[in-house]
Protein backbone atom coordinates (compact mmCIF):
# COMPACT_ATOMS: atom_id res chain seq x y z
CA MET A 1 21.82 31.43 -29.38
CA GLU A 2 24.20 31.34 -32.31
CA LEU A 3 23.05 34.22 -34.26
CA THR A 4 22.62 37.95 -33.51
CA ALA A 5 19.28 39.50 -34.04
CA ALA A 6 20.51 41.30 -37.27
CA GLU A 7 21.82 37.96 -38.42
CA LEU A 8 18.71 36.14 -37.64
CA THR A 9 16.43 38.60 -39.36
CA VAL A 10 18.63 38.58 -42.74
CA LEU A 11 18.56 34.82 -42.62
CA GLY A 12 14.87 34.78 -41.88
CA LEU A 13 14.18 37.15 -44.78
CA ILE A 14 16.23 35.08 -47.20
CA ILE A 15 14.70 31.73 -46.03
CA GLU A 16 11.38 33.18 -46.63
CA ARG A 17 12.64 33.75 -50.29
CA PRO A 18 15.91 33.97 -52.01
CA ARG A 19 17.09 37.56 -52.20
CA HIS A 20 19.78 39.73 -53.24
CA GLY A 21 20.97 42.76 -51.06
CA TYR A 22 18.91 45.41 -52.59
CA ASP A 23 15.89 43.35 -52.25
CA LEU A 24 16.78 42.81 -48.71
CA GLU A 25 16.93 46.59 -48.02
CA ARG A 26 13.51 47.15 -49.72
CA VAL A 27 11.94 44.49 -47.47
CA ILE A 28 13.54 45.90 -44.25
CA GLU A 29 12.31 49.28 -45.17
CA GLN A 30 8.97 48.46 -45.92
CA ARG A 31 8.27 46.26 -43.02
CA GLY A 32 9.80 48.85 -40.59
CA ILE A 33 12.29 46.23 -39.52
CA ARG A 34 14.63 48.88 -38.23
CA GLN A 35 12.02 49.83 -35.63
CA TRP A 36 12.87 46.47 -33.60
CA THR A 37 16.42 45.46 -34.70
CA ASP A 38 19.43 47.22 -35.77
CA ILE A 39 20.35 46.69 -39.31
CA GLY A 40 21.91 49.56 -41.03
CA PHE A 41 22.00 49.65 -44.87
CA SER A 42 25.59 49.76 -45.00
CA SER A 43 25.69 46.45 -42.80
CA ILE A 44 23.31 44.26 -45.07
CA TYR A 45 26.24 43.10 -47.25
CA TYR A 46 28.48 42.58 -44.33
CA LEU A 47 25.68 40.35 -42.77
CA LEU A 48 25.22 38.57 -45.95
CA THR A 49 29.06 37.85 -46.22
CA LYS A 50 29.35 36.64 -42.70
CA LEU A 51 26.37 34.38 -43.00
CA GLU A 52 27.83 32.92 -46.28
CA LYS A 53 31.25 32.19 -44.86
CA ARG A 54 29.63 30.40 -41.85
CA GLY A 55 27.70 28.18 -44.38
CA LEU A 56 24.35 29.57 -43.50
CA LEU A 57 23.91 31.21 -47.01
CA ARG A 58 25.13 30.24 -50.29
CA VAL A 59 24.89 32.03 -53.88
CA PRO A 60 24.06 29.40 -56.54
CA GLU A 61 26.25 30.02 -59.72
CA ALA A 62 27.57 33.24 -58.48
CA PRO A 63 27.57 35.74 -61.53
CA ALA A 64 30.52 37.89 -62.06
CA ALA A 65 28.10 40.91 -61.61
CA ALA A 66 27.95 43.32 -58.69
CA LYS A 67 27.34 41.88 -55.24
CA SER A 68 24.06 43.69 -55.27
CA ARG A 69 22.78 41.10 -57.85
CA ARG A 70 23.98 37.80 -56.09
CA VAL A 71 20.92 36.13 -55.16
CA PHE A 72 21.38 34.55 -51.67
CA HIS A 73 19.79 31.23 -50.66
CA ALA A 74 19.49 29.78 -46.89
CA THR A 75 21.57 26.44 -46.81
CA ARG A 76 19.99 23.35 -44.99
CA ARG A 77 22.31 24.31 -41.90
CA GLY A 78 21.20 27.92 -42.10
CA ARG A 79 17.45 26.90 -41.92
CA GLU A 80 18.28 24.50 -38.90
CA VAL A 81 20.35 27.22 -37.19
CA ALA A 82 17.59 29.86 -37.69
CA ALA A 83 14.70 27.64 -36.83
CA ARG A 84 16.50 26.94 -33.27
CA ASP A 85 17.41 30.53 -32.59
CA ALA A 86 14.09 31.60 -33.49
CA LEU A 87 12.33 29.10 -31.09
CA ALA A 88 14.53 30.14 -28.26
CA LEU A 89 13.84 33.81 -28.77
CA ILE A 90 9.97 32.87 -28.66
CA GLU A 91 10.01 30.47 -25.93
CA ARG A 92 11.99 32.43 -23.27
CA ALA A 93 10.29 35.53 -21.59
CA ARG A 94 13.40 37.76 -20.89
CA PRO A 95 13.37 41.20 -19.00
CA VAL A 96 13.59 44.17 -21.45
CA ALA A 97 15.43 47.32 -20.42
CA HIS A 98 13.10 50.18 -21.24
CA PRO A 99 14.14 53.56 -20.93
CA LEU A 100 10.58 54.84 -19.76
CA LEU A 101 10.94 52.83 -16.51
CA VAL A 102 14.15 54.85 -15.76
CA GLY A 103 12.21 57.96 -16.24
CA LEU A 104 9.20 56.74 -13.97
CA ALA A 105 11.71 55.47 -11.43
CA ASN A 106 12.68 59.02 -11.10
CA LEU A 107 9.30 60.73 -11.10
CA SER A 108 10.09 62.32 -7.70
CA LEU A 109 12.36 64.75 -9.76
CA LEU A 110 9.27 66.10 -11.69
CA SER A 111 6.30 68.23 -11.05
CA GLU A 112 2.71 66.70 -11.71
CA ARG A 113 2.47 69.26 -14.70
CA GLU A 114 5.83 68.28 -16.14
CA TYR A 115 4.85 64.61 -15.85
CA THR A 116 1.58 65.08 -17.33
CA ARG A 117 2.99 67.27 -20.26
CA ALA A 118 5.57 64.46 -20.93
CA LEU A 119 2.89 61.73 -20.83
CA ARG A 120 0.72 63.57 -23.32
CA THR A 121 3.87 64.17 -25.62
CA ARG A 122 4.53 60.39 -25.50
CA LEU A 123 0.83 59.59 -25.95
CA ALA A 124 0.98 61.73 -29.28
CA GLN A 125 4.07 60.05 -30.43
CA VAL A 126 2.86 56.58 -29.56
CA GLU A 127 -0.26 57.28 -31.44
CA ALA A 128 1.51 58.71 -34.49
CA ARG A 129 3.81 55.27 -34.49
CA LEU A 130 0.64 53.21 -34.09
CA ALA A 131 -1.04 54.75 -37.26
CA ALA A 132 2.20 54.47 -39.32
CA VAL A 133 2.67 50.78 -38.36
CA GLN A 134 -1.13 49.98 -39.31
CA ALA A 135 -0.78 51.97 -42.49
CA ALA A 136 2.46 50.19 -43.48
CA ARG A 137 0.84 46.78 -42.75
CA ARG A 138 -2.24 47.63 -44.82
CA ALA A 139 0.26 48.58 -47.61
CA GLN A 140 1.67 45.38 -47.94
CA ALA A 141 -1.12 43.08 -47.72
CA PRO A 142 -0.79 40.26 -48.35
CA LEU A 143 2.39 39.55 -46.08
CA PRO A 144 3.89 36.26 -45.19
CA ARG A 145 2.97 34.79 -41.63
CA PRO A 146 6.09 36.02 -40.05
CA ALA A 147 5.60 39.37 -40.98
CA LEU A 148 1.93 39.43 -39.92
CA GLU A 149 2.98 38.21 -36.63
CA VAL A 150 5.62 40.90 -36.08
CA PHE A 151 2.95 43.60 -37.11
CA SER A 152 0.33 41.96 -34.89
CA TYR A 153 2.80 42.01 -31.77
CA SER A 154 4.02 45.42 -32.42
CA LEU A 155 0.73 46.84 -32.82
CA SER A 156 -0.43 44.91 -29.64
CA LEU A 157 2.51 46.57 -27.64
CA LEU A 158 1.82 49.88 -29.09
CA GLU A 159 -1.83 49.73 -28.35
CA ALA A 160 -1.04 48.61 -24.65
CA GLU A 161 1.21 51.53 -24.18
CA ARG A 162 -1.19 53.88 -25.88
CA GLN A 163 -3.99 52.88 -23.27
CA TRP A 164 -1.68 53.17 -20.27
CA LEU A 165 -0.45 56.58 -21.40
CA ALA A 166 -4.05 57.65 -22.02
CA GLY A 167 -5.13 56.78 -18.52
CA ARG A 168 -2.27 58.48 -16.75
CA ALA A 169 -2.41 61.37 -19.06
CA GLN A 170 -5.62 62.33 -17.47
CA VAL A 171 -3.92 63.39 -14.36
CA PRO A 172 -5.13 66.89 -13.76
CA ASP A 173 -2.87 69.86 -14.57
CA ASP A 174 -2.03 71.54 -11.12
CA GLY A 175 -0.61 74.54 -12.70
CA GLN A 176 2.85 74.04 -11.09
CA ASP A 177 6.17 73.62 -12.44
């Protein structure tokens, strides 16, 4: 893979349609992209400059105005690299490090009561996140297909975790600490 997750995400948003930096920030915020990739507000222009220097983006008739109004377009090479990297990420199942698994592997350190309380706390957080993602999706309709697929997959993962937690959180509270 040639691009980082942040680079591919920014390039993909520009392939979706030409954008300037502020527009990228708005879309990243609206779609909750920071929930699944590390793109800080301050790194957007760094990423745009890096992608432009690599010939993956271009700015036709670059105005003398501030960087924020430079509208970036994907180059043919940018589209090719992005497509290849996106395909590789979709095709290949990779193990994902998940902090919950580390906690579960150390379950013997907790009482049943502590474990149940932690599960219920996490369940409430997952339910809140699920509601927030559903609301974000509804608020932006209609969305382009890539955004719809991200929302669909994210909601599926959250729902699967919610179901797992709901089943485990039914463990009786034994009153011990």
